[in-house]
Amino acid sequence: MLCSDVILAMQLKRLMVLRLGILLCLLLLLRSQLGISFFDYVRDRISQLGIIPSLSTIIREKSALYPLGLSWQLERGVRGDLS
């Protein structure tokens, strides 16, 4: 293997580990907000049972219960001109 191949392989491995870590943190955080067991969700996805809806469906349903409207958007003229 060339040195550049080793560096590329290390970067790809680091990226995969980072993406897995982000996914795990996201699922653990969402568990507390959405009331889903992390392990039940992963088991449902791996076994392809489909008993638990997808995260996007759950988030969409929960967000309909607590609409934030436009409260998350920056006001015009704040932190730069958005016009």
N, C-alpha and C. Protein backbone atom coordinates (compact mmCIF):
# COMPACT_ATOMS: atom_id res chain seq x y z
N MET A 1 0.82 -1.18 0.00
CA MET A 1 0.00 0.00 0.00
C MET A 1 0.86 1.24 0.00
N LEU A 2 0.46 2.19 -0.76
CA LEU A 2 1.17 3.46 -0.76
C LEU A 2 0.80 4.27 0.47
N CYS A 3 1.64 5.20 0.81
CA CYS A 3 1.40 6.05 1.97
C CYS A 3 0.08 6.81 1.82
N SER A 4 -0.20 7.29 0.60
CA SER A 4 -1.44 8.04 0.38
C SER A 4 -2.66 7.13 0.56
N ASP A 5 -2.53 5.84 0.20
CA ASP A 5 -3.63 4.90 0.40
C ASP A 5 -3.90 4.68 1.88
N VAL A 6 -2.85 4.60 2.66
CA VAL A 6 -3.00 4.42 4.11
C VAL A 6 -3.68 5.64 4.73
N ILE A 7 -3.26 6.81 4.31
CA ILE A 7 -3.85 8.04 4.84
C ILE A 7 -5.32 8.12 4.45
N LEU A 8 -5.64 7.78 3.22
CA LEU A 8 -7.03 7.80 2.77
C LEU A 8 -7.88 6.79 3.55
N ALA A 9 -7.34 5.59 3.77
CA ALA A 9 -8.06 4.58 4.52
C ALA A 9 -8.30 5.04 5.96
N MET A 10 -7.33 5.69 6.57
CA MET A 10 -7.49 6.20 7.92
C MET A 10 -8.54 7.30 7.98
N GLN A 11 -8.54 8.17 6.97
CA GLN A 11 -9.53 9.25 6.94
C GLN A 11 -10.93 8.69 6.75
N LEU A 12 -11.08 7.68 5.91
CA LEU A 12 -12.39 7.07 5.70
C LEU A 12 -12.89 6.38 6.97
N LYS A 13 -11.98 5.69 7.65
CA LYS A 13 -12.35 5.03 8.90
C LYS A 13 -12.77 6.05 9.94
N ARG A 14 -12.02 7.14 10.04
CA ARG A 14 -12.35 8.20 10.99
C ARG A 14 -13.71 8.81 10.68
N LEU A 15 -14.01 9.01 9.40
CA LEU A 15 -15.29 9.56 8.98
C LEU A 15 -16.44 8.61 9.33
N MET A 16 -16.24 7.32 9.10
CA MET A 16 -17.27 6.34 9.43
C MET A 16 -17.53 6.29 10.92
N VAL A 17 -16.48 6.34 11.73
CA VAL A 17 -16.64 6.32 13.19
C VAL A 17 -17.35 7.59 13.64
N LEU A 18 -17.00 8.72 13.05
CA LEU A 18 -17.64 9.97 13.40
C LEU A 18 -19.13 9.94 13.06
N ARG A 19 -19.47 9.44 11.88
CA ARG A 19 -20.88 9.36 11.48
C ARG A 19 -21.65 8.41 12.39
N LEU A 20 -21.05 7.30 12.77
CA LEU A 20 -21.70 6.37 13.68
C LEU A 20 -21.91 7.01 15.05
N GLY A 21 -20.91 7.73 15.52
CA GLY A 21 -21.03 8.42 16.80
C GLY A 21 -22.14 9.46 16.79
N ILE A 22 -22.23 10.22 15.70
CA ILE A 22 -23.29 11.21 15.57
C ILE A 22 -24.65 10.54 15.57
N LEU A 23 -24.78 9.44 14.84
CA LEU A 23 -26.04 8.72 14.79
C LEU A 23 -26.44 8.19 16.17
N LEU A 24 -25.49 7.61 16.88
CA LEU A 24 -25.78 7.09 18.22
C LEU A 24 -26.19 8.20 19.18
N CYS A 25 -25.49 9.32 19.13
CA CYS A 25 -25.84 10.45 20.00
C CYS A 25 -27.23 10.97 19.66
N LEU A 26 -27.52 11.07 18.38
CA LEU A 26 -28.83 11.54 17.94
C LEU A 26 -29.94 10.62 18.44
N LEU A 27 -29.74 9.33 18.29
CA LEU A 27 -30.76 8.39 18.72
C LEU A 27 -30.94 8.39 20.24
N LEU A 28 -29.83 8.53 20.96
CA LEU A 28 -29.94 8.58 22.42
C LEU A 28 -30.63 9.84 22.89
N LEU A 29 -30.35 10.96 22.23
CA LEU A 29 -31.03 12.20 22.60
C LEU A 29 -32.50 12.16 22.23
N LEU A 30 -32.80 11.62 21.07
CA LEU A 30 -34.19 11.55 20.63
C LEU A 30 -35.00 10.60 21.49
N ARG A 31 -34.35 9.61 22.06
CA ARG A 31 -35.05 8.67 22.92
C ARG A 31 -35.68 9.41 24.09
N SER A 32 -34.94 10.34 24.67
CA SER A 32 -35.48 11.07 25.81
C SER A 32 -36.60 12.02 25.39
N GLN A 33 -36.54 12.54 24.18
CA GLN A 33 -37.56 13.46 23.71
C GLN A 33 -38.76 12.76 23.09
N LEU A 34 -38.53 11.62 22.46
CA LEU A 34 -39.61 10.95 21.73
C LEU A 34 -40.19 9.75 22.45
N GLY A 35 -39.55 9.32 23.54
CA GLY A 35 -40.09 8.21 24.31
C GLY A 35 -39.92 6.85 23.65
N ILE A 36 -38.88 6.70 22.83
CA ILE A 36 -38.62 5.42 22.17
C ILE A 36 -37.39 4.81 22.82
N SER A 37 -37.42 3.52 23.04
CA SER A 37 -36.23 2.83 23.52
C SER A 37 -35.23 2.73 22.37
N PHE A 38 -34.01 3.19 22.61
CA PHE A 38 -32.97 3.15 21.60
C PHE A 38 -32.74 1.73 21.10
N PHE A 39 -32.66 0.78 22.02
CA PHE A 39 -32.38 -0.59 21.64
C PHE A 39 -33.55 -1.23 20.91
N ASP A 40 -34.79 -0.90 21.33
CA ASP A 40 -35.95 -1.40 20.59
C ASP A 40 -35.98 -0.85 19.17
N TYR A 41 -35.63 0.43 19.03
CA TYR A 41 -35.61 1.04 17.70
C TYR A 41 -34.57 0.37 16.80
N VAL A 42 -33.35 0.17 17.35
CA VAL A 42 -32.29 -0.47 16.55
C VAL A 42 -32.68 -1.90 16.21
N ARG A 43 -33.24 -2.64 17.17
CA ARG A 43 -33.67 -4.02 16.92
C ARG A 43 -34.75 -4.05 15.84
N ASP A 44 -35.69 -3.12 15.89
CA ASP A 44 -36.75 -3.05 14.89
C ASP A 44 -36.19 -2.76 13.50
N ARG A 45 -35.20 -1.87 13.43
CA ARG A 45 -34.58 -1.54 12.13
C ARG A 45 -33.77 -2.72 11.58
N ILE A 46 -32.98 -3.37 12.45
CA ILE A 46 -32.14 -4.47 11.98
C ILE A 46 -32.99 -5.66 11.55
N SER A 47 -34.02 -5.98 12.33
CA SER A 47 -34.87 -7.13 11.99
C SER A 47 -35.90 -6.80 10.91
N GLN A 48 -36.02 -5.51 10.58
CA GLN A 48 -36.95 -5.04 9.54
C GLN A 48 -38.40 -5.42 9.85
N LEU A 49 -38.76 -5.37 11.13
CA LEU A 49 -40.13 -5.67 11.53
C LEU A 49 -41.09 -4.54 11.15
N GLY A 50 -40.63 -3.31 11.30
CA GLY A 50 -41.47 -2.16 10.97
C GLY A 50 -42.53 -1.85 12.01
N ILE A 51 -42.34 -2.35 13.24
CA ILE A 51 -43.30 -2.10 14.31
C ILE A 51 -43.22 -0.63 14.75
N ILE A 52 -42.00 -0.12 14.89
CA ILE A 52 -41.78 1.27 15.27
C ILE A 52 -41.66 2.09 13.98
N PRO A 53 -42.41 3.18 13.88
CA PRO A 53 -42.32 4.02 12.68
C PRO A 53 -40.93 4.63 12.52
N SER A 54 -40.63 5.13 11.35
CA SER A 54 -39.33 5.75 11.11
C SER A 54 -39.20 7.00 11.96
N LEU A 55 -37.95 7.42 12.20
CA LEU A 55 -37.72 8.61 13.00
C LEU A 55 -38.36 9.83 12.37
N SER A 56 -38.32 9.93 11.06
CA SER A 56 -38.91 11.09 10.40
C SER A 56 -40.42 11.16 10.66
N THR A 57 -41.08 10.02 10.66
CA THR A 57 -42.52 9.99 10.93
C THR A 57 -42.80 10.39 12.37
N ILE A 58 -42.02 9.86 13.30
CA ILE A 58 -42.22 10.17 14.72
C ILE A 58 -41.97 11.65 14.97
N ILE A 59 -40.90 12.19 14.40
CA ILE A 59 -40.58 13.60 14.59
C ILE A 59 -41.67 14.48 14.00
N ARG A 60 -42.16 14.11 12.81
CA ARG A 60 -43.23 14.88 12.17
C ARG A 60 -44.48 14.88 13.05
N GLU A 61 -44.84 13.73 13.61
CA GLU A 61 -46.02 13.65 14.47
C GLU A 61 -45.86 14.47 15.74
N LYS A 62 -44.68 14.37 16.37
CA LYS A 62 -44.43 15.13 17.60
C LYS A 62 -44.39 16.63 17.33
N SER A 63 -43.80 17.03 16.20
CA SER A 63 -43.71 18.46 15.90
C SER A 63 -45.08 19.05 15.62
N ALA A 64 -46.03 18.24 15.15
CA ALA A 64 -47.39 18.73 14.94
C ALA A 64 -48.07 19.05 16.27
N LEU A 65 -47.65 18.35 17.34
CA LEU A 65 -48.22 18.61 18.66
C LEU A 65 -47.70 19.91 19.27
N TYR A 66 -46.45 20.27 18.91
CA TYR A 66 -45.80 21.45 19.48
C TYR A 66 -45.29 22.34 18.37
N PRO A 67 -46.18 22.99 17.63
CA PRO A 67 -45.72 23.82 16.50
C PRO A 67 -44.95 25.05 17.00
N LEU A 68 -43.79 25.28 16.42
CA LEU A 68 -42.98 26.44 16.79
C LEU A 68 -43.20 27.61 15.84
N GLY A 69 -43.87 27.36 14.74
CA GLY A 69 -44.11 28.43 13.78
C GLY A 69 -42.82 28.98 13.23
N LEU A 70 -42.73 30.28 13.17
CA LEU A 70 -41.53 30.93 12.63
C LEU A 70 -40.59 31.39 13.73
N SER A 71 -40.79 30.92 14.94
CA SER A 71 -39.99 31.40 16.07
C SER A 71 -38.52 31.06 15.94
N TRP A 72 -38.18 30.10 15.12
CA TRP A 72 -36.78 29.68 14.99
C TRP A 72 -36.02 30.53 13.99
N GLN A 73 -36.71 31.33 13.18
CA GLN A 73 -36.05 32.11 12.14
C GLN A 73 -35.46 33.40 12.71
N LEU A 74 -34.35 33.84 12.10
CA LEU A 74 -33.73 35.10 12.49
C LEU A 74 -34.58 36.26 12.00
N GLU A 75 -34.58 37.33 12.76
CA GLU A 75 -35.27 38.53 12.32
C GLU A 75 -34.42 39.21 11.26
N ARG A 76 -35.05 39.92 10.36
CA ARG A 76 -34.31 40.64 9.32
C ARG A 76 -33.47 41.74 9.96
N GLY A 77 -32.27 41.87 9.46
CA GLY A 77 -31.38 42.91 9.96
C GLY A 77 -30.58 42.48 11.18
N VAL A 78 -30.88 41.32 11.76
CA VAL A 78 -30.14 40.83 12.91
C VAL A 78 -29.05 39.89 12.40
N ARG A 79 -27.83 40.09 12.85
CA ARG A 79 -26.68 39.28 12.43
C ARG A 79 -26.52 39.27 10.92
N GLY A 80 -26.55 40.40 10.34
CA GLY A 80 -26.39 40.51 8.90
C GLY A 80 -27.72 40.83 8.25
N ASP A 81 -27.67 41.37 7.08
CA ASP A 81 -28.88 41.74 6.37
C ASP A 81 -29.41 40.56 5.59
N LEU A 82 -30.63 40.11 5.90
CA LEU A 82 -31.22 38.96 5.24
C LEU A 82 -32.15 39.38 4.10
N SER A 83 -32.25 40.67 3.81
CA SER A 83 -33.15 41.11 2.76
C SER A 83 -32.56 40.94 1.39
